[in-house]
């Protein structure tokens, strides 16, 4: 689960970084605001990806998804991109949990 979620957060960080010039050039968001929001979320994605050994880090990952969707109020296409990443994040989260539960069940059956 950890690896799939970390991959999603890493890809999301790249997209959030690329959203900064779009916010500035297309939507006329102030450069400082765009940098703080896009860059801050991108850094938070990378830091959270590294902290996914901690159970609470998944809650931070969920919050990142909400914040990414909320960027849609500045750049409307981010509603779509945020929903797409939220779906990928939740897919990785729930599929990863299922895989870990299956592994645990198989290990217990093999003992």
Protein backbone atom coordinates (compact mmCIF):
# COMPACT_ATOMS: atom_id res chain seq x y z
CA UNK A 1 0.00 0.00 0.00
CA UNK A 2 2.76 2.40 0.99
CA UNK A 3 4.54 2.16 -2.36
CA UNK A 4 1.42 2.72 -4.45
CA UNK A 5 0.35 5.71 -2.35
CA UNK A 6 3.88 7.16 -2.41
CA UNK A 7 3.91 6.86 -6.20
CA UNK A 8 0.58 8.71 -6.46
CA UNK A 9 1.85 11.50 -4.21
CA UNK A 10 5.08 11.81 -6.20
CA UNK A 11 3.19 12.11 -9.48
CA UNK A 12 0.83 14.58 -7.86
CA UNK A 13 3.78 16.67 -6.69
CA UNK A 14 4.98 16.97 -10.30
CA UNK A 15 1.55 18.10 -11.49
CA UNK A 16 1.24 20.58 -8.63
CA UNK A 17 4.63 22.03 -9.50
CA UNK A 18 3.55 22.37 -13.13
CA UNK A 19 0.36 24.10 -12.01
CA UNK A 20 2.33 27.11 -10.74
CA UNK A 21 3.06 28.67 -14.16
CA UNK A 22 -0.51 27.90 -15.25
CA UNK A 23 -1.89 29.73 -12.23
CA UNK A 24 0.34 32.71 -12.98
CA UNK A 25 0.10 32.92 -16.78
CA UNK A 26 -3.41 31.69 -17.48
CA UNK A 27 -5.40 32.60 -14.38
CA UNK A 28 -3.46 35.73 -13.33
CA UNK A 29 -2.85 34.43 -9.80
CA UNK A 30 -0.17 36.42 -8.00
CA UNK A 31 3.20 34.64 -8.38
CA UNK A 32 3.75 34.45 -4.62
CA UNK A 33 0.30 32.96 -4.03
CA UNK A 34 0.73 30.46 -6.87
CA UNK A 35 4.17 29.46 -5.63
CA UNK A 36 3.04 29.04 -2.04
CA UNK A 37 -0.03 27.00 -2.94
CA UNK A 38 1.32 24.88 -5.78
CA UNK A 39 4.84 24.59 -4.43
CA UNK A 40 3.72 24.10 -0.87
CA UNK A 41 1.38 21.29 -1.81
CA UNK A 42 4.06 19.72 -4.02
CA UNK A 43 6.57 19.73 -1.16
CA UNK A 44 3.91 18.39 1.21
CA UNK A 45 3.27 15.54 -1.25
CA UNK A 46 6.95 14.57 -1.31
CA UNK A 47 7.34 14.82 2.47
CA UNK A 48 4.16 12.81 3.04
CA UNK A 49 5.28 10.15 0.55
CA UNK A 50 8.36 9.67 2.69
CA UNK A 51 6.35 9.48 5.91
CA UNK A 52 3.86 6.84 4.81
CA UNK A 53 5.33 4.37 7.30
CA UNK A 54 3.36 6.33 9.87
CA UNK A 55 -0.41 5.64 9.90
CA UNK A 56 -1.25 9.33 10.40
CA UNK A 57 0.52 10.24 7.14
CA UNK A 58 -2.35 8.70 5.18
CA UNK A 59 -4.67 11.28 6.74
CA UNK A 60 -2.31 13.97 5.49
CA UNK A 61 -2.53 12.33 2.05
CA UNK A 62 -6.32 12.54 2.20
CA UNK A 63 -6.07 16.23 3.14
CA UNK A 64 -3.72 16.84 0.21
CA UNK A 65 -6.39 15.48 -2.11
CA UNK A 66 -8.97 17.90 -0.71
CA UNK A 67 -6.52 20.81 -1.02
CA UNK A 68 -5.70 19.87 -4.61
CA UNK A 69 -9.39 19.85 -5.52
CA UNK A 70 -9.78 23.21 -3.75
CA UNK A 71 -7.17 24.70 -6.10
CA UNK A 72 -9.99 24.53 -8.63
CA UNK A 73 -11.28 27.79 -7.16
CA UNK A 74 -8.15 29.45 -8.58
CA UNK A 75 -7.66 27.29 -11.68
CA UNK A 76 -10.92 25.60 -12.72
CA UNK A 77 -9.19 22.67 -14.46
CA UNK A 78 -7.77 21.71 -11.05
CA UNK A 79 -11.25 20.55 -10.04
CA UNK A 80 -10.91 17.81 -12.66
CA UNK A 81 -7.22 17.11 -12.01
CA UNK A 82 -7.80 17.09 -8.25
CA UNK A 83 -10.68 14.64 -8.59
CA UNK A 84 -8.57 12.46 -10.85
CA UNK A 85 -5.73 12.33 -8.32
CA UNK A 86 -8.16 11.79 -5.46
CA UNK A 87 -9.56 8.77 -7.33
CA UNK A 88 -6.05 7.43 -7.97
CA UNK A 89 -5.09 8.04 -4.33
CA UNK A 90 -8.18 6.28 -3.00
CA UNK A 91 -7.68 3.43 -5.46
CA UNK A 92 -4.08 2.97 -4.31
CA UNK A 93 -5.13 3.28 -0.67
CA UNK A 94 -7.96 0.73 -0.75
CA UNK A 95 -6.29 -1.68 -3.17
CA UNK A 96 -3.14 -1.56 -1.06
CA UNK A 97 -5.11 -2.35 2.09
CA UNK A 98 -6.76 -5.28 0.33
CA UNK A 99 -3.40 -6.63 -0.86
CA UNK A 100 -1.90 -6.33 2.63
CA UNK A 101 -4.90 -8.12 4.16
CA UNK A 102 -4.61 -10.90 1.57
CA UNK A 103 -0.88 -11.26 2.28
CA UNK A 104 -1.54 -11.49 6.01
CA UNK A 105 -4.26 -14.09 5.45
CA UNK A 106 -2.00 -16.15 3.18
CA UNK A 107 0.87 -15.95 5.68
CA UNK A 108 -1.42 -17.08 8.49
CA UNK A 109 -2.73 -19.98 6.39
CA UNK A 110 0.82 -21.07 5.56
CA UNK A 111 1.93 -21.35 9.19
